[in-house]
Amino acid sequence: MQHLDNIKGKEIVPGYFGRFVHGEKITLSIVDIKKGSPLPEHRHPHEQVTFILEGELEMIIGGEKMVLTAGTTHVIPGNTPHSAIALTDCRVLDAFSPVREDYRID
């Protein structure tokens, strides 16, 4: 058992600070995002499920622009280009499968 406050985190890109829990086949990511912070377009082989805990996050997923608000979720298939910008301070829960090895912290 772990408490979020005790999980070591890292800045993913400027304005995006994540804490990560890794299972055998999945990574759970809790990300705090500062208002106005952009996440450049990228893609990865992992399937991603994004759930907005707090705030408003504008995303472009596979060319479709949408605003995700607290309580909304979206599935992003692997290798789908996506980007984001925080319209407010946000807290986001992301699940990735398979495990995001690049998010491991020693």
C-alpha atoms as a PDB file:
ATOM      1  CA  MET A   1       0.000   0.000   0.000  1.00  0.00           C
ATOM      2  CA  GLN A   2       1.206   3.504  -0.824  1.00  0.00           C
ATOM      3  CA  HIS A   3      -0.069   7.004  -0.205  1.00  0.00           C
ATOM      4  CA  LEU A   4       0.135   9.464  -3.104  1.00  0.00           C
ATOM      5  CA  ASP A   5       2.130  11.909  -0.955  1.00  0.00           C
ATOM      6  CA  ASN A   6       4.844   9.253  -0.548  1.00  0.00           C
ATOM      7  CA  ILE A   7       5.235   8.418  -4.243  1.00  0.00           C
ATOM      8  CA  LYS A   8       8.309  10.017  -5.766  1.00  0.00           C
ATOM      9  CA  GLY A   9       7.479  11.960  -8.927  1.00  0.00           C
ATOM     10  CA  LYS A  10       9.081  13.789 -11.810  1.00  0.00           C
ATOM     11  CA  GLU A  11       8.361  16.553 -14.264  1.00  0.00           C
ATOM     12  CA  ILE A  12       7.342  14.948 -17.564  1.00  0.00           C
ATOM     13  CA  VAL A  13       7.509  18.213 -19.528  1.00  0.00           C
ATOM     14  CA  PRO A  14       7.443  21.764 -18.112  1.00  0.00           C
ATOM     15  CA  GLY A  15       4.258  22.238 -16.083  1.00  0.00           C
ATOM     16  CA  TYR A  16       3.380  18.494 -15.952  1.00  0.00           C
ATOM     17  CA  PHE A  17       4.411  16.762 -12.702  1.00  0.00           C
ATOM     18  CA  GLY A  18       3.606  13.052 -12.500  1.00  0.00           C
ATOM     19  CA  ARG A  19       3.642  10.317  -9.883  1.00  0.00           C
ATOM     20  CA  PHE A  20       3.598   6.733 -11.142  1.00  0.00           C
ATOM     21  CA  VAL A  21       2.566   3.310  -9.919  1.00  0.00           C
ATOM     22  CA  HIS A  22       3.662   0.324 -11.992  1.00  0.00           C
ATOM     23  CA  GLY A  23       2.078  -3.086 -12.135  1.00  0.00           C
ATOM     24  CA  GLU A  24       3.135  -6.013 -14.253  1.00  0.00           C
ATOM     25  CA  LYS A  25       1.131  -4.860 -17.304  1.00  0.00           C
ATOM     26  CA  ILE A  26      -0.059  -1.326 -16.499  1.00  0.00           C
ATOM     27  CA  THR A  27       1.186   2.059 -15.323  1.00  0.00           C
ATOM     28  CA  LEU A  28      -1.060   4.378 -13.336  1.00  0.00           C
ATOM     29  CA  SER A  29      -0.078   8.039 -13.551  1.00  0.00           C
ATOM     30  CA  ILE A  30      -1.397  10.934 -11.461  1.00  0.00           C
ATOM     31  CA  VAL A  31      -0.369  14.203 -13.109  1.00  0.00           C
ATOM     32  CA  ASP A  32      -0.688  17.727 -11.732  1.00  0.00           C
ATOM     33  CA  ILE A  33      -0.696  20.290 -14.542  1.00  0.00           C
ATOM     34  CA  LYS A  34      -0.203  24.053 -14.266  1.00  0.00           C
ATOM     35  CA  LYS A  35      -2.672  26.289 -16.113  1.00  0.00           C
ATOM     36  CA  GLY A  36      -1.407  27.250 -19.576  1.00  0.00           C
ATOM     37  CA  SER A  37       1.100  24.407 -19.809  1.00  0.00           C
ATOM     38  CA  PRO A  38       1.256  22.768 -23.245  1.00  0.00           C
ATOM     39  CA  LEU A  39       1.958  19.107 -23.917  1.00  0.00           C
ATOM     40  CA  PRO A  40       3.436  18.917 -27.432  1.00  0.00           C
ATOM     41  CA  GLU A  41       1.976  16.475 -29.936  1.00  0.00           C
ATOM     42  CA  HIS A  42       3.419  13.029 -29.437  1.00  0.00           C
ATOM     43  CA  ARG A  43       2.520   9.375 -29.777  1.00  0.00           C
ATOM     44  CA  HIS A  44       3.508   6.179 -28.023  1.00  0.00           C
ATOM     45  CA  PRO A  45       2.685   2.498 -28.475  1.00  0.00           C
ATOM     46  CA  HIS A  46       0.794   2.377 -25.165  1.00  0.00           C
ATOM     47  CA  GLU A  47      -2.991   2.463 -24.990  1.00  0.00           C
ATOM     48  CA  GLN A  48      -3.913   5.344 -22.660  1.00  0.00           C
ATOM     49  CA  VAL A  49      -7.050   6.008 -20.661  1.00  0.00           C
ATOM     50  CA  THR A  50      -7.264   9.589 -19.395  1.00  0.00           C
ATOM     51  CA  PHE A  51      -9.605  10.644 -16.579  1.00  0.00           C
ATOM     52  CA  ILE A  52      -9.855  14.272 -15.457  1.00  0.00           C
ATOM     53  CA  LEU A  53      -9.984  14.494 -11.658  1.00  0.00           C
ATOM     54  CA  GLU A  54      -9.892  18.312 -11.481  1.00  0.00           C
ATOM     55  CA  GLY A  55      -9.802  21.160 -13.987  1.00  0.00           C
ATOM     56  CA  GLU A  56     -10.178  21.552 -17.739  1.00  0.00           C
ATOM     57  CA  LEU A  57      -7.762  20.105 -20.276  1.00  0.00           C
ATOM     58  CA  GLU A  58      -8.011  20.862 -23.981  1.00  0.00           C
ATOM     59  CA  MET A  59      -6.753  17.930 -26.027  1.00  0.00           C
ATOM     60  CA  ILE A  60      -6.304  17.169 -29.688  1.00  0.00           C
ATOM     61  CA  ILE A  61      -6.520  13.409 -30.146  1.00  0.00           C
ATOM     62  CA  GLY A  62      -6.122  11.979 -33.625  1.00  0.00           C
ATOM     63  CA  GLY A  63      -6.880  15.415 -35.078  1.00  0.00           C
ATOM     64  CA  GLU A  64     -10.071  15.930 -33.029  1.00  0.00           C
ATOM     65  CA  LYS A  65     -10.100  18.874 -30.582  1.00  0.00           C
ATOM     66  CA  MET A  66     -12.029  18.421 -27.336  1.00  0.00           C
ATOM     67  CA  VAL A  67     -12.180  19.901 -23.839  1.00  0.00           C
ATOM     68  CA  LEU A  68     -12.095  17.328 -21.049  1.00  0.00           C
ATOM     69  CA  THR A  69     -13.521  18.506 -17.721  1.00  0.00           C
ATOM     70  CA  ALA A  70     -13.635  16.991 -14.236  1.00  0.00           C
ATOM     71  CA  GLY A  71     -15.328  13.608 -14.399  1.00  0.00           C
ATOM     72  CA  THR A  72     -14.744  12.997 -18.117  1.00  0.00           C
ATOM     73  CA  THR A  73     -12.604  10.301 -19.648  1.00  0.00           C
ATOM     74  CA  HIS A  74     -11.185   9.379 -23.037  1.00  0.00           C
ATOM     75  CA  VAL A  75      -9.424   6.316 -24.435  1.00  0.00           C
ATOM     76  CA  ILE A  76      -6.430   7.072 -26.637  1.00  0.00           C
ATOM     77  CA  PRO A  77      -5.417   4.084 -28.798  1.00  0.00           C
ATOM     78  CA  GLY A  78      -1.716   3.282 -29.066  1.00  0.00           C
ATOM     79  CA  ASN A  79       0.258   5.243 -31.683  1.00  0.00           C
ATOM     80  CA  THR A  80      -2.450   7.933 -31.946  1.00  0.00           C
ATOM     81  CA  PRO A  81      -1.023  11.470 -32.092  1.00  0.00           C
ATOM     82  CA  HIS A  82      -2.252  13.657 -29.244  1.00  0.00           C
ATOM     83  CA  SER A  83      -1.439  16.949 -27.526  1.00  0.00           C
ATOM     84  CA  ALA A  84      -2.900  19.041 -24.714  1.00  0.00           C
ATOM     85  CA  ILE A  85      -2.980  22.414 -23.022  1.00  0.00           C
ATOM     86  CA  ALA A  86      -4.268  23.037 -19.513  1.00  0.00           C
ATOM     87  CA  LEU A  87      -7.067  25.608 -19.527  1.00  0.00           C
ATOM     88  CA  THR A  88      -6.974  25.598 -15.699  1.00  0.00           C
ATOM     89  CA  ASP A  89      -4.793  23.902 -13.110  1.00  0.00           C
ATOM     90  CA  CYS A  90      -5.577  20.207 -13.542  1.00  0.00           C
ATOM     91  CA  ARG A  91      -5.151  16.851 -11.894  1.00  0.00           C
ATOM     92  CA  VAL A  92      -5.339  13.947 -14.314  1.00  0.00           C
ATOM     93  CA  LEU A  93      -5.344  10.196 -13.834  1.00  0.00           C
ATOM     94  CA  ASP A  94      -3.830   8.268 -16.758  1.00  0.00           C
ATOM     95  CA  ALA A  95      -3.576   4.509 -17.165  1.00  0.00           C
ATOM     96  CA  PHE A  96      -1.142   3.069 -19.710  1.00  0.00           C
ATOM     97  CA  SER A  97      -0.817  -0.457 -21.035  1.00  0.00           C
ATOM     98  CA  PRO A  98       1.708  -1.927 -21.392  1.00  0.00           C
ATOM     99  CA  VAL A  99       3.876  -0.475 -18.612  1.00  0.00           C
ATOM    100  CA  ARG A 100       5.550   2.891 -19.338  1.00  0.00           C
ATOM    101  CA  GLU A 101       9.164   1.946 -18.664  1.00  0.00           C
ATOM    102  CA  ASP A 102      10.168   5.565 -19.384  1.00  0.00           C
ATOM    103  CA  TYR A 103       8.121   6.641 -16.341  1.00  0.00           C
ATOM    104  CA  ARG A 104      10.018   4.465 -13.865  1.00  0.00           C
ATOM    105  CA  ILE A 105      11.856   6.402 -11.174  1.00  0.00           C
ATOM    106  CA  ASP A 106      14.793   4.775  -9.427  1.00  0.00           C
END
